[in-house]
Amino acid sequence: MSLFSDERYTWRETYFVLFDPAMRPRLSDVRRELRHVAGTLTILDNKAEPNGNLASMTVASYEDHAALEIAYHEGNNVHSEISLLTELLEKGSTQKEKEQLHNAKKYHAKFEILHFEQTAGTSEFKIVKMPVLQFAPREKNKTTQPFSNRNYSDKPASNQKQHFHFDPNSYENCIANDADADEKENSEDSAEFERIDPNMLVFVLEILCRLTKGIAIDPASGVII
């Protein structure tokens, strides 16, 4: 089930986790980590390869008004895409980021994480017409360290409902985008983004990076998370 076909969800942005395919995690490991870190979630769909490795997953957090679609990709095309993307991101990156990107150039695999916002049907959201896995709430006496000290502000994105495709020209334009234009866009759409909470996105990116020993990237803004 794709969230693109669900009118209650609106696609906001896409992130990548880049890594060595030898480090691809098992579905059971990802589910276990989600249970321990992210609190109350609903898994709407999940698929594994015959060997148990994660193929895809759709996760929703009703409290955060957010949902994620995670899909695995690997191969020569992915390697070429990663090589081009890392070259673009090296412009203006710090020394530490350059080292991360240098290592990433060898990778042949990625998770594509599509971030959706719940924009309609709040009262109907808890009625899911398919088997789901409900995680127990996180224990109150347990705390979770933040994944990064970076500012995870939500960047407004197009409402065009189509699957994400890598376009190096588009990325380069986004990375070199004028700051005043960004500020104007953020101001116009700020009210629309007040409800969505990025916590689940940050937690999931942390989990996937930890399991794969890879790096998370926002390809549209050029930010290494």
N, C-alpha and C. Protein backbone atom coordinates (compact mmCIF):
# COMPACT_ATOMS: atom_id res chain seq x y z
N MET A 1 0.84 -1.19 0.00
CA MET A 1 0.00 0.00 0.00
C MET A 1 0.88 1.24 0.00
N SER A 2 0.71 2.10 -0.99
CA SER A 2 1.47 3.34 -1.06
C SER A 2 0.66 4.48 -0.47
N LEU A 3 1.31 5.31 0.31
CA LEU A 3 0.63 6.46 0.90
C LEU A 3 0.28 7.51 -0.14
N PHE A 4 0.88 7.43 -1.33
CA PHE A 4 0.53 8.36 -2.39
C PHE A 4 -0.93 8.20 -2.81
N SER A 5 -1.48 7.02 -2.62
CA SER A 5 -2.88 6.78 -3.01
C SER A 5 -3.85 7.03 -1.87
N ASP A 6 -3.35 7.44 -0.71
CA ASP A 6 -4.19 7.72 0.45
C ASP A 6 -4.35 9.24 0.59
N GLU A 7 -5.58 9.73 0.43
CA GLU A 7 -5.83 11.17 0.43
C GLU A 7 -5.60 11.81 1.79
N ARG A 8 -5.46 11.01 2.83
CA ARG A 8 -5.21 11.58 4.15
C ARG A 8 -3.76 12.02 4.33
N TYR A 9 -2.88 11.58 3.42
CA TYR A 9 -1.46 11.88 3.53
C TYR A 9 -1.00 12.79 2.39
N THR A 10 -0.04 13.65 2.70
CA THR A 10 0.59 14.50 1.70
C THR A 10 2.10 14.32 1.79
N TRP A 11 2.72 13.99 0.65
CA TRP A 11 4.18 13.81 0.62
C TRP A 11 4.86 15.16 0.85
N ARG A 12 5.89 15.16 1.69
CA ARG A 12 6.60 16.39 2.03
C ARG A 12 8.04 16.39 1.53
N GLU A 13 8.77 15.31 1.74
CA GLU A 13 10.19 15.31 1.40
C GLU A 13 10.71 13.89 1.34
N THR A 14 11.89 13.73 0.77
CA THR A 14 12.52 12.42 0.65
C THR A 14 13.94 12.48 1.18
N TYR A 15 14.30 11.48 1.95
CA TYR A 15 15.65 11.37 2.49
C TYR A 15 16.28 10.07 2.01
N PHE A 16 17.62 10.02 2.01
CA PHE A 16 18.36 8.81 1.67
C PHE A 16 19.20 8.38 2.87
N VAL A 17 19.32 7.08 3.06
CA VAL A 17 20.36 6.52 3.92
C VAL A 17 21.25 5.70 3.01
N LEU A 18 22.51 6.09 2.87
CA LEU A 18 23.46 5.46 1.96
C LEU A 18 24.36 4.51 2.74
N PHE A 19 24.60 3.30 2.19
CA PHE A 19 25.40 2.32 2.94
C PHE A 19 25.88 1.19 2.04
N ASP A 20 26.75 0.37 2.60
CA ASP A 20 27.26 -0.83 1.94
C ASP A 20 26.17 -1.91 1.98
N PRO A 21 25.82 -2.52 0.84
CA PRO A 21 24.76 -3.53 0.84
C PRO A 21 25.04 -4.71 1.77
N ALA A 22 26.32 -4.95 2.10
CA ALA A 22 26.64 -6.03 3.03
C ALA A 22 26.09 -5.74 4.43
N MET A 23 25.76 -4.48 4.70
CA MET A 23 25.24 -4.07 6.00
C MET A 23 23.72 -3.92 6.00
N ARG A 24 23.06 -4.43 4.98
CA ARG A 24 21.60 -4.33 4.92
C ARG A 24 20.97 -5.03 6.13
N PRO A 25 20.09 -4.36 6.87
CA PRO A 25 19.54 -4.95 8.10
C PRO A 25 18.38 -5.90 7.83
N ARG A 26 18.14 -6.77 8.79
CA ARG A 26 16.99 -7.66 8.74
C ARG A 26 15.74 -6.90 9.17
N LEU A 27 14.61 -7.30 8.62
CA LEU A 27 13.34 -6.66 8.99
C LEU A 27 13.09 -6.77 10.49
N SER A 28 13.37 -7.93 11.07
CA SER A 28 13.13 -8.13 12.49
C SER A 28 13.97 -7.18 13.34
N ASP A 29 15.20 -6.88 12.90
CA ASP A 29 16.06 -5.96 13.65
C ASP A 29 15.50 -4.54 13.61
N VAL A 30 15.02 -4.12 12.44
CA VAL A 30 14.45 -2.78 12.34
C VAL A 30 13.19 -2.66 13.20
N ARG A 31 12.34 -3.67 13.17
CA ARG A 31 11.13 -3.63 13.99
C ARG A 31 11.47 -3.58 15.48
N ARG A 32 12.48 -4.33 15.88
CA ARG A 32 12.88 -4.32 17.29
C ARG A 32 13.39 -2.94 17.70
N GLU A 33 14.20 -2.33 16.86
CA GLU A 33 14.74 -1.02 17.18
C GLU A 33 13.65 0.04 17.23
N LEU A 34 12.69 -0.05 16.34
CA LEU A 34 11.57 0.90 16.36
C LEU A 34 10.80 0.79 17.66
N ARG A 35 10.62 -0.43 18.11
CA ARG A 35 9.86 -0.65 19.35
C ARG A 35 10.59 -0.02 20.54
N HIS A 36 11.91 -0.12 20.55
CA HIS A 36 12.69 0.35 21.69
C HIS A 36 12.89 1.85 21.71
N VAL A 37 12.92 2.48 20.51
CA VAL A 37 13.32 3.88 20.44
C VAL A 37 12.16 4.83 20.20
N ALA A 38 11.28 4.49 19.28
CA ALA A 38 10.37 5.50 18.75
C ALA A 38 9.02 5.58 19.46
N GLY A 39 8.79 4.78 20.49
CA GLY A 39 7.53 4.91 21.22
C GLY A 39 6.38 4.23 20.52
N THR A 40 5.22 4.89 20.47
CA THR A 40 4.01 4.30 19.93
C THR A 40 3.94 4.51 18.42
N LEU A 41 4.04 3.42 17.66
CA LEU A 41 3.98 3.46 16.21
C LEU A 41 3.00 2.42 15.70
N THR A 42 2.58 2.60 14.47
CA THR A 42 1.78 1.59 13.78
C THR A 42 2.47 1.23 12.48
N ILE A 43 2.78 -0.05 12.31
CA ILE A 43 3.35 -0.52 11.04
C ILE A 43 2.19 -0.88 10.12
N LEU A 44 2.03 -0.11 9.07
CA LEU A 44 0.94 -0.34 8.13
C LEU A 44 1.28 -1.43 7.12
N ASP A 45 2.56 -1.58 6.84
CA ASP A 45 2.98 -2.58 5.86
C ASP A 45 4.47 -2.84 6.06
N ASN A 46 4.90 -4.08 5.86
CA ASN A 46 6.34 -4.38 5.89
C ASN A 46 6.60 -5.64 5.11
N LYS A 47 7.72 -5.63 4.38
CA LYS A 47 8.08 -6.77 3.54
C LYS A 47 9.56 -7.08 3.71
N ALA A 48 9.88 -8.37 3.62
CA ALA A 48 11.26 -8.82 3.74
C ALA A 48 11.61 -9.72 2.57
N GLU A 49 12.90 -9.80 2.27
CA GLU A 49 13.40 -10.76 1.28
C GLU A 49 13.34 -12.16 1.90
N PRO A 50 13.47 -13.22 1.09
CA PRO A 50 13.45 -14.59 1.65
C PRO A 50 14.48 -14.81 2.76
N ASN A 51 15.59 -14.07 2.72
CA ASN A 51 16.61 -14.23 3.76
C ASN A 51 16.33 -13.38 5.00
N GLY A 52 15.21 -12.66 4.99
CA GLY A 52 14.83 -11.86 6.15
C GLY A 52 15.25 -10.41 6.10
N ASN A 53 16.01 -9.99 5.08
CA ASN A 53 16.44 -8.60 4.99
C ASN A 53 15.27 -7.68 4.65
N LEU A 54 15.33 -6.46 5.20
CA LEU A 54 14.26 -5.49 4.97
C LEU A 54 14.18 -5.10 3.50
N ALA A 55 12.97 -5.20 2.94
CA ALA A 55 12.73 -4.75 1.58
C ALA A 55 11.98 -3.43 1.57
N SER A 56 10.91 -3.33 2.38
CA SER A 56 10.15 -2.09 2.45
C SER A 56 9.35 -2.06 3.74
N MET A 57 8.96 -0.87 4.13
CA MET A 57 8.17 -0.71 5.36
C MET A 57 7.42 0.61 5.29
N THR A 58 6.20 0.61 5.82
CA THR A 58 5.41 1.83 5.96
C THR A 58 5.03 1.96 7.42
N VAL A 59 5.41 3.10 8.02
CA VAL A 59 5.22 3.32 9.45
C VAL A 59 4.48 4.63 9.65
N ALA A 60 3.51 4.64 10.59
CA ALA A 60 2.76 5.86 10.90
C ALA A 60 2.87 6.18 12.38
N SER A 61 2.92 7.46 12.69
CA SER A 61 2.84 7.95 14.07
C SER A 61 1.70 8.96 14.10
N TYR A 62 0.58 8.55 14.67
CA TYR A 62 -0.60 9.41 14.67
C TYR A 62 -0.39 10.63 15.56
N GLU A 63 0.37 10.47 16.64
CA GLU A 63 0.62 11.59 17.53
C GLU A 63 1.44 12.67 16.84
N ASP A 64 2.33 12.27 15.94
CA ASP A 64 3.19 13.22 15.23
C ASP A 64 2.58 13.70 13.92
N HIS A 65 1.42 13.17 13.55
CA HIS A 65 0.77 13.52 12.27
C HIS A 65 1.72 13.23 11.10
N ALA A 66 2.40 12.09 11.18
CA ALA A 66 3.40 11.80 10.17
C ALA A 66 3.43 10.32 9.84
N ALA A 67 3.97 10.01 8.66
CA ALA A 67 4.15 8.62 8.24
C ALA A 67 5.36 8.55 7.31
N LEU A 68 5.95 7.36 7.23
CA LEU A 68 7.14 7.15 6.41
C LEU A 68 6.97 5.92 5.55
N GLU A 69 7.44 6.00 4.32
CA GLU A 69 7.60 4.83 3.46
C GLU A 69 9.10 4.61 3.27
N ILE A 70 9.56 3.40 3.55
CA ILE A 70 10.97 3.05 3.44
C ILE A 70 11.12 1.98 2.37
N ALA A 71 12.01 2.19 1.42
CA ALA A 71 12.22 1.21 0.34
C ALA A 71 13.71 1.03 0.10
N TYR A 72 14.12 -0.22 -0.11
CA TYR A 72 15.53 -0.56 -0.32
C TYR A 72 15.84 -0.60 -1.81
N HIS A 73 17.02 -0.07 -2.18
CA HIS A 73 17.50 -0.11 -3.57
C HIS A 73 19.00 -0.40 -3.56
N GLU A 74 19.46 -1.14 -4.55
CA GLU A 74 20.89 -1.39 -4.67
C GLU A 74 21.24 -1.64 -6.13
N GLY A 75 22.55 -1.63 -6.43
CA GLY A 75 23.00 -1.95 -7.78
C GLY A 75 23.89 -0.86 -8.36
N ASN A 76 24.28 -1.05 -9.61
CA ASN A 76 25.18 -0.12 -10.28
C ASN A 76 24.54 1.25 -10.47
N ASN A 77 23.24 1.28 -10.77
CA ASN A 77 22.56 2.57 -10.93
C ASN A 77 22.57 3.36 -9.63
N VAL A 78 22.37 2.66 -8.53
CA VAL A 78 22.40 3.33 -7.22
C VAL A 78 23.80 3.86 -6.94
N HIS A 79 24.82 3.07 -7.28
CA HIS A 79 26.21 3.51 -7.07
C HIS A 79 26.50 4.76 -7.88
N SER A 80 26.05 4.80 -9.13
CA SER A 80 26.26 5.98 -9.97
C SER A 80 25.55 7.19 -9.40
N GLU A 81 24.33 6.97 -8.91
CA GLU A 81 23.56 8.05 -8.30
C GLU A 81 24.26 8.59 -7.06
N ILE A 82 24.76 7.69 -6.22
CA ILE A 82 25.45 8.09 -5.00
C ILE A 82 26.72 8.87 -5.32
N SER A 83 27.46 8.41 -6.32
CA SER A 83 28.71 9.09 -6.71
C SER A 83 28.43 10.52 -7.16
N LEU A 84 27.40 10.70 -7.96
CA LEU A 84 27.06 12.04 -8.44
C LEU A 84 26.55 12.92 -7.31
N LEU A 85 25.71 12.35 -6.47
CA LEU A 85 25.14 13.12 -5.36
C LEU A 85 26.22 13.56 -4.37
N THR A 86 27.14 12.66 -4.03
CA THR A 86 28.20 13.01 -3.08
C THR A 86 29.11 14.10 -3.65
N GLU A 87 29.36 14.07 -4.95
CA GLU A 87 30.18 15.12 -5.56
C GLU A 87 29.49 16.49 -5.41
N LEU A 88 28.18 16.52 -5.60
CA LEU A 88 27.44 17.77 -5.45
C LEU A 88 27.47 18.25 -4.00
N LEU A 89 27.33 17.33 -3.07
CA LEU A 89 27.26 17.70 -1.66
C LEU A 89 28.61 18.12 -1.09
N GLU A 90 29.71 17.73 -1.74
CA GLU A 90 31.03 18.10 -1.24
C GLU A 90 31.28 19.60 -1.33
N LYS A 91 30.54 20.27 -2.19
CA LYS A 91 30.71 21.72 -2.33
C LYS A 91 30.21 22.41 -1.06
N GLY A 92 31.10 23.06 -0.36
CA GLY A 92 30.71 23.79 0.83
C GLY A 92 30.57 22.93 2.08
N SER A 93 30.93 21.65 2.02
CA SER A 93 30.82 20.78 3.19
C SER A 93 32.02 20.95 4.11
N THR A 94 31.84 20.57 5.37
CA THR A 94 32.93 20.63 6.34
C THR A 94 33.90 19.48 6.10
N GLN A 95 35.04 19.51 6.80
CA GLN A 95 36.03 18.46 6.63
C GLN A 95 35.46 17.11 7.06
N LYS A 96 34.73 17.10 8.18
CA LYS A 96 34.12 15.85 8.65
C LYS A 96 33.11 15.32 7.64
N GLU A 97 32.31 16.23 7.08
CA GLU A 97 31.33 15.81 6.08
C GLU A 97 32.02 15.30 4.81
N LYS A 98 33.12 15.92 4.44
CA LYS A 98 33.86 15.46 3.26
C LYS A 98 34.35 14.02 3.46
N GLU A 99 34.78 13.70 4.67
CA GLU A 99 35.21 12.34 4.97
C GLU A 99 34.05 11.36 4.87
N GLN A 100 32.90 11.76 5.37
CA GLN A 100 31.72 10.90 5.28
C GLN A 100 31.32 10.67 3.83
N LEU A 101 31.35 11.73 3.05
CA LEU A 101 30.98 11.62 1.64
C LEU A 101 31.99 10.80 0.86
N HIS A 102 33.26 10.92 1.22
CA HIS A 102 34.30 10.12 0.54
C HIS A 102 34.04 8.64 0.77
N ASN A 103 33.69 8.27 1.99
CA ASN A 103 33.37 6.86 2.27
C ASN A 103 32.10 6.42 1.55
N ALA A 104 31.13 7.33 1.45
CA ALA A 104 29.85 6.99 0.83
C ALA A 104 29.97 6.71 -0.66
N LYS A 105 31.01 7.26 -1.29
CA LYS A 105 31.17 7.06 -2.73
C LYS A 105 31.34 5.58 -3.10
N LYS A 106 31.72 4.76 -2.13
CA LYS A 106 31.92 3.33 -2.40
C LYS A 106 30.63 2.52 -2.25
N TYR A 107 29.58 3.16 -1.73
CA TYR A 107 28.36 2.42 -1.42
C TYR A 107 27.56 2.11 -2.69
N HIS A 108 26.85 0.97 -2.63
CA HIS A 108 26.00 0.55 -3.74
C HIS A 108 24.54 0.35 -3.30
N ALA A 109 24.20 0.82 -2.11
CA ALA A 109 22.83 0.58 -1.61
C ALA A 109 22.32 1.83 -0.90
N LYS A 110 21.01 1.93 -0.84
CA LYS A 110 20.38 3.04 -0.12
C LYS A 110 18.98 2.63 0.33
N PHE A 111 18.54 3.27 1.41
CA PHE A 111 17.13 3.28 1.76
C PHE A 111 16.58 4.63 1.33
N GLU A 112 15.46 4.61 0.65
CA GLU A 112 14.75 5.83 0.28
C GLU A 112 13.62 5.99 1.28
N ILE A 113 13.61 7.11 2.01
CA ILE A 113 12.62 7.34 3.05
C ILE A 113 11.73 8.50 2.62
N LEU A 114 10.48 8.21 2.31
CA LEU A 114 9.51 9.22 1.91
C LEU A 114 8.75 9.69 3.15
N HIS A 115 8.77 10.99 3.40
CA HIS A 115 8.15 11.58 4.59
C HIS A 115 6.80 12.17 4.22
N PHE A 116 5.75 11.71 4.88
CA PHE A 116 4.39 12.17 4.62
C PHE A 116 3.83 12.88 5.85
N GLU A 117 2.96 13.86 5.60
CA GLU A 117 2.22 14.52 6.67
C GLU A 117 0.76 14.11 6.62
N GLN A 118 0.16 13.90 7.78
CA GLN A 118 -1.27 13.66 7.86
C GLN A 118 -1.96 15.01 7.72
N THR A 119 -2.69 15.21 6.65
CA THR A 119 -3.34 16.48 6.39
C THR A 119 -4.85 16.40 6.43
N ALA A 120 -5.41 15.21 6.63
CA ALA A 120 -6.87 15.06 6.67
C ALA A 120 -7.21 13.79 7.42
N GLY A 121 -8.48 13.70 7.86
CA GLY A 121 -8.99 12.47 8.46
C GLY A 121 -8.42 12.13 9.81
N THR A 122 -8.22 13.14 10.67
CA THR A 122 -7.63 12.88 11.98
C THR A 122 -8.43 11.87 12.77
N SER A 123 -9.74 12.03 12.81
CA SER A 123 -10.57 11.15 13.62
C SER A 123 -10.64 9.74 13.06
N GLU A 124 -10.40 9.61 11.75
CA GLU A 124 -10.49 8.30 11.11
C GLU A 124 -9.14 7.58 11.11
N PHE A 125 -8.07 8.27 11.48
CA PHE A 125 -6.73 7.71 11.32
C PHE A 125 -6.50 6.47 12.17
N LYS A 126 -7.17 6.35 13.30
CA LYS A 126 -6.90 5.23 14.18
C LYS A 126 -7.69 3.98 13.77
N ILE A 127 -8.48 4.09 12.71
CA ILE A 127 -9.21 2.94 12.19
C ILE A 127 -8.48 2.48 10.94
N VAL A 128 -7.69 1.42 11.07
CA VAL A 128 -6.88 0.92 9.97
C VAL A 128 -7.48 -0.37 9.46
N LYS A 129 -7.79 -0.44 8.19
CA LYS A 129 -8.49 -1.59 7.62
C LYS A 129 -7.53 -2.68 7.18
N MET A 130 -6.54 -2.98 8.01
CA MET A 130 -5.60 -4.05 7.72
C MET A 130 -4.92 -4.43 9.02
N PRO A 131 -4.35 -5.64 9.09
CA PRO A 131 -3.63 -6.02 10.32
C PRO A 131 -2.46 -5.06 10.55
N VAL A 132 -2.31 -4.62 11.79
CA VAL A 132 -1.22 -3.72 12.12
C VAL A 132 -0.51 -4.22 13.36
N LEU A 133 0.71 -3.76 13.54
CA LEU A 133 1.49 -4.09 14.72
C LEU A 133 1.54 -2.86 15.60
N GLN A 134 0.92 -2.92 16.78
CA GLN A 134 0.93 -1.80 17.70
C GLN A 134 2.06 -1.97 18.70
N PHE A 135 2.94 -0.97 18.78
CA PHE A 135 4.01 -1.02 19.75
C PHE A 135 3.55 -0.43 21.07
N ALA A 136 4.01 -0.99 22.18
CA ALA A 136 3.67 -0.45 23.49
C ALA A 136 4.37 0.90 23.67
N PRO A 137 3.73 1.83 24.44
CA PRO A 137 4.36 3.13 24.69
C PRO A 137 5.70 2.97 25.39
N ARG A 138 6.63 3.89 25.11
CA ARG A 138 7.92 3.87 25.74
C ARG A 138 7.79 4.07 27.25
N GLU A 139 8.60 3.39 28.06
CA GLU A 139 8.55 3.55 29.50
C GLU A 139 8.93 4.97 29.87
N LYS A 140 8.20 5.52 30.87
CA LYS A 140 8.37 6.92 31.21
C LYS A 140 9.75 7.23 31.78
N ASN A 141 10.38 6.25 32.41
CA ASN A 141 11.67 6.51 33.04
C ASN A 141 12.85 6.35 32.09
N LYS A 142 12.55 6.09 30.82
CA LYS A 142 13.62 5.94 29.85
C LYS A 142 13.70 7.18 28.98
N THR A 143 14.90 7.60 28.69
CA THR A 143 15.12 8.76 27.84
C THR A 143 15.92 8.35 26.62
N THR A 144 15.77 9.12 25.56
CA THR A 144 16.47 8.82 24.31
C THR A 144 17.34 10.00 23.93
N GLN A 145 18.59 9.72 23.64
CA GLN A 145 19.50 10.77 23.24
C GLN A 145 19.15 11.22 21.83
N PRO A 146 19.19 12.52 21.55
CA PRO A 146 18.88 13.01 20.20
C PRO A 146 19.90 12.51 19.20
N PHE A 147 19.44 12.28 17.97
CA PHE A 147 20.33 11.75 16.93
C PHE A 147 21.40 12.76 16.53
N SER A 148 21.04 14.02 16.53
CA SER A 148 21.97 15.05 16.10
C SER A 148 21.59 16.36 16.72
N ASN A 149 22.53 17.27 16.80
CA ASN A 149 22.25 18.60 17.30
C ASN A 149 21.81 19.54 16.19
N ARG A 150 21.67 19.00 15.02
CA ARG A 150 21.25 19.86 13.91
C ARG A 150 19.79 20.29 14.10
N ASN A 151 19.42 21.33 13.40
CA ASN A 151 18.05 21.82 13.46
C ASN A 151 17.22 21.09 12.42
N TYR A 152 16.26 20.28 12.85
CA TYR A 152 15.46 19.48 11.92
C TYR A 152 14.20 20.26 11.54
N SER A 153 14.35 21.37 10.95
CA SER A 153 13.18 22.13 10.51
C SER A 153 12.65 21.51 9.24
N ASP A 154 11.33 21.52 9.08
CA ASP A 154 10.72 20.89 7.91
C ASP A 154 10.74 21.85 6.75
N LYS A 155 11.33 21.41 5.69
CA LYS A 155 11.42 22.24 4.49
C LYS A 155 10.18 22.01 3.64
N PRO A 156 9.41 23.06 3.32
CA PRO A 156 8.22 22.86 2.49
C PRO A 156 8.60 22.24 1.17
N ALA A 157 7.75 21.39 0.70
CA ALA A 157 8.03 20.71 -0.56
C ALA A 157 6.79 20.72 -1.43
N SER A 158 6.96 20.32 -2.65
CA SER A 158 5.86 20.29 -3.59
C SER A 158 4.81 19.28 -3.17
N ASN A 159 3.54 19.58 -3.48
CA ASN A 159 2.46 18.65 -3.19
C ASN A 159 2.22 17.67 -4.32
N GLN A 160 3.08 17.70 -5.32
CA GLN A 160 2.92 16.80 -6.45
C GLN A 160 3.01 15.35 -5.99
N LYS A 161 1.99 14.56 -6.26
CA LYS A 161 1.93 13.19 -5.76
C LYS A 161 2.49 12.23 -6.81
N GLN A 162 3.79 12.05 -6.80
CA GLN A 162 4.42 11.08 -7.67
C GLN A 162 5.66 10.56 -6.98
N HIS A 163 6.10 9.39 -7.38
CA HIS A 163 7.25 8.79 -6.73
C HIS A 163 8.50 9.59 -7.01
N PHE A 164 9.40 9.55 -6.06
CA PHE A 164 10.63 10.35 -6.12
C PHE A 164 11.61 9.74 -7.10
N HIS A 165 12.19 10.56 -7.94
CA HIS A 165 13.21 10.11 -8.88
C HIS A 165 14.44 11.01 -8.73
N PHE A 166 15.61 10.40 -8.81
CA PHE A 166 16.85 11.16 -8.67
C PHE A 166 17.08 12.03 -9.89
N ASP A 167 17.27 13.31 -9.66
CA ASP A 167 17.54 14.25 -10.74
C ASP A 167 18.70 15.14 -10.29
N PRO A 168 19.92 14.86 -10.72
CA PRO A 168 21.08 15.64 -10.25
C PRO A 168 20.95 17.12 -10.54
N ASN A 169 20.34 17.48 -11.67
CA ASN A 169 20.17 18.89 -11.98
C ASN A 169 19.25 19.57 -10.98
N SER A 170 18.20 18.85 -10.60
CA SER A 170 17.28 19.39 -9.61
C SER A 170 17.98 19.58 -8.28
N TYR A 171 18.79 18.61 -7.86
CA TYR A 171 19.51 18.71 -6.59
C TYR A 171 20.45 19.90 -6.61
N GLU A 172 21.18 20.05 -7.73
CA GLU A 172 22.15 21.13 -7.80
C GLU A 172 21.46 22.47 -7.69
N ASN A 173 20.29 22.60 -8.32
CA ASN A 173 19.54 23.84 -8.23
C ASN A 173 19.06 24.10 -6.82
N CYS A 174 18.63 23.03 -6.13
CA CYS A 174 18.16 23.19 -4.75
C CYS A 174 19.30 23.61 -3.83
N ILE A 175 20.46 22.97 -4.01
CA ILE A 175 21.58 23.27 -3.14
C ILE A 175 22.04 24.71 -3.34
N ALA A 176 21.95 25.21 -4.56
CA ALA A 176 22.39 26.57 -4.85
C ALA A 176 21.25 27.57 -4.78
N ASN A 177 20.14 27.18 -4.21
CA ASN A 177 18.94 28.02 -4.20
C ASN A 177 19.18 29.30 -3.43
N ASP A 178 18.53 30.37 -3.85
CA ASP A 178 18.69 31.66 -3.20
C ASP A 178 18.07 31.66 -1.82
N ALA A 179 18.77 32.19 -0.83
CA ALA A 179 18.31 32.16 0.56
C ALA A 179 17.04 32.97 0.74
N ASP A 180 16.92 34.10 0.03
CA ASP A 180 15.72 34.93 0.17
C ASP A 180 14.50 34.20 -0.34
N ALA A 181 14.65 33.42 -1.42
CA ALA A 181 13.53 32.66 -1.96
C ALA A 181 13.09 31.60 -0.97
N ASP A 182 14.07 30.94 -0.31
CA ASP A 182 13.74 29.94 0.69
C ASP A 182 12.98 30.56 1.85
N GLU A 183 13.42 31.73 2.29
CA GLU A 183 12.78 32.39 3.42
C GLU A 183 11.34 32.76 3.09
N LYS A 184 11.11 33.23 1.87
CA LYS A 184 9.76 33.58 1.45
C LYS A 184 8.87 32.36 1.41
N GLU A 185 9.39 31.23 0.87
CA GLU A 185 8.62 30.01 0.78
C GLU A 185 8.27 29.49 2.16
N ASN A 186 9.24 29.54 3.08
CA ASN A 186 8.99 29.08 4.44
C ASN A 186 7.93 29.91 5.11
N SER A 187 7.94 31.23 4.86
CA SER A 187 6.97 32.12 5.47
C SER A 187 5.57 31.84 4.98
N GLU A 188 5.44 31.59 3.68
CA GLU A 188 4.13 31.36 3.09
C GLU A 188 3.49 30.08 3.59
N ASP A 189 4.31 29.03 3.80
CA ASP A 189 3.76 27.73 4.15
C ASP A 189 3.94 27.37 5.62
N SER A 190 4.37 28.31 6.45
CA SER A 190 4.67 27.99 7.85
C SER A 190 3.46 27.47 8.58
N ALA A 191 2.28 28.04 8.30
CA ALA A 191 1.07 27.61 9.01
C ALA A 191 0.73 26.16 8.68
N GLU A 192 1.00 25.75 7.45
CA GLU A 192 0.66 24.39 7.03
C GLU A 192 1.53 23.36 7.73
N PHE A 193 2.75 23.77 8.16
CA PHE A 193 3.69 22.82 8.73
C PHE A 193 3.71 22.83 10.26
N GLU A 194 2.77 23.53 10.89
CA GLU A 194 2.79 23.62 12.33
C GLU A 194 2.45 22.29 13.00
N ARG A 195 1.64 21.47 12.36
CA ARG A 195 1.16 20.26 13.01
C ARG A 195 2.15 19.12 12.97
N ILE A 196 2.92 18.99 11.93
CA ILE A 196 3.77 17.83 11.76
C ILE A 196 4.97 17.90 12.71
N ASP A 197 5.28 16.77 13.34
CA ASP A 197 6.40 16.69 14.27
C ASP A 197 7.48 15.81 13.63
N PRO A 198 8.73 16.28 13.51
CA PRO A 198 9.77 15.52 12.82
C PRO A 198 10.41 14.44 13.68
N ASN A 199 9.95 14.24 14.91
CA ASN A 199 10.62 13.29 15.80
C ASN A 199 10.72 11.89 15.22
N MET A 200 9.61 11.38 14.66
CA MET A 200 9.64 10.02 14.14
C MET A 200 10.65 9.90 13.00
N LEU A 201 10.68 10.90 12.11
CA LEU A 201 11.64 10.88 11.01
C LEU A 201 13.07 10.81 11.54
N VAL A 202 13.38 11.63 12.54
CA VAL A 202 14.73 11.65 13.10
C VAL A 202 15.08 10.30 13.72
N PHE A 203 14.14 9.72 14.48
CA PHE A 203 14.39 8.43 15.12
C PHE A 203 14.64 7.34 14.08
N VAL A 204 13.83 7.30 13.03
CA VAL A 204 13.98 6.26 12.01
C VAL A 204 15.31 6.42 11.26
N LEU A 205 15.67 7.64 10.92
CA LEU A 205 16.97 7.86 10.28
C LEU A 205 18.10 7.41 11.18
N GLU A 206 17.99 7.69 12.47
CA GLU A 206 19.02 7.25 13.42
C GLU A 206 19.14 5.73 13.43
N ILE A 207 18.00 5.05 13.48
CA ILE A 207 18.00 3.59 13.54
C ILE A 207 18.64 3.00 12.29
N LEU A 208 18.24 3.49 11.12
CA LEU A 208 18.77 2.95 9.87
C LEU A 208 20.26 3.22 9.73
N CYS A 209 20.70 4.40 10.16
CA CYS A 209 22.14 4.70 10.09
C CYS A 209 22.93 3.82 11.05
N ARG A 210 22.40 3.59 12.22
CA ARG A 210 23.11 2.77 13.20
C ARG A 210 23.20 1.32 12.73
N LEU A 211 22.14 0.78 12.16
CA LEU A 211 22.14 -0.61 11.73
C LEU A 211 22.99 -0.83 10.49
N THR A 212 23.05 0.17 9.61
CA THR A 212 23.77 0.01 8.34
C THR A 212 25.18 0.60 8.38
N LYS A 213 25.51 1.37 9.43
CA LYS A 213 26.77 2.10 9.49
C LYS A 213 26.89 3.09 8.33
N GLY A 214 25.74 3.58 7.86
CA GLY A 214 25.72 4.50 6.73
C GLY A 214 25.49 5.94 7.16
N ILE A 215 25.16 6.79 6.19
CA ILE A 215 24.89 8.20 6.47
C ILE A 215 23.54 8.59 5.89
N ALA A 216 22.87 9.53 6.57
CA ALA A 216 21.56 10.03 6.12
C ALA A 216 21.75 11.38 5.44
N ILE A 217 21.03 11.57 4.35
CA ILE A 217 21.17 12.79 3.55
C ILE A 217 19.79 13.31 3.16
N ASP A 218 19.65 14.62 3.23
CA ASP A 218 18.51 15.31 2.63
C ASP A 218 18.99 15.81 1.27
N PRO A 219 18.69 15.11 0.18
CA PRO A 219 19.26 15.47 -1.11
C PRO A 219 18.77 16.80 -1.65
N ALA A 220 17.59 17.24 -1.23
CA ALA A 220 17.05 18.50 -1.75
C ALA A 220 17.78 19.70 -1.19
N SER A 221 18.15 19.66 0.09
CA SER A 221 18.83 20.80 0.71
C SER A 221 20.34 20.60 0.78
N GLY A 222 20.82 19.40 0.55
CA GLY A 222 22.26 19.13 0.63
C GLY A 222 22.76 18.96 2.03
N VAL A 223 21.87 18.64 2.98
CA VAL A 223 22.25 18.50 4.38
C VAL A 223 22.58 17.05 4.68
N ILE A 224 23.73 16.82 5.33
CA ILE A 224 24.10 15.51 5.84
C ILE A 224 23.66 15.45 7.29
N ILE A 225 22.79 14.50 7.62
CA ILE A 225 22.17 14.47 8.95
C ILE A 225 23.01 13.63 9.90
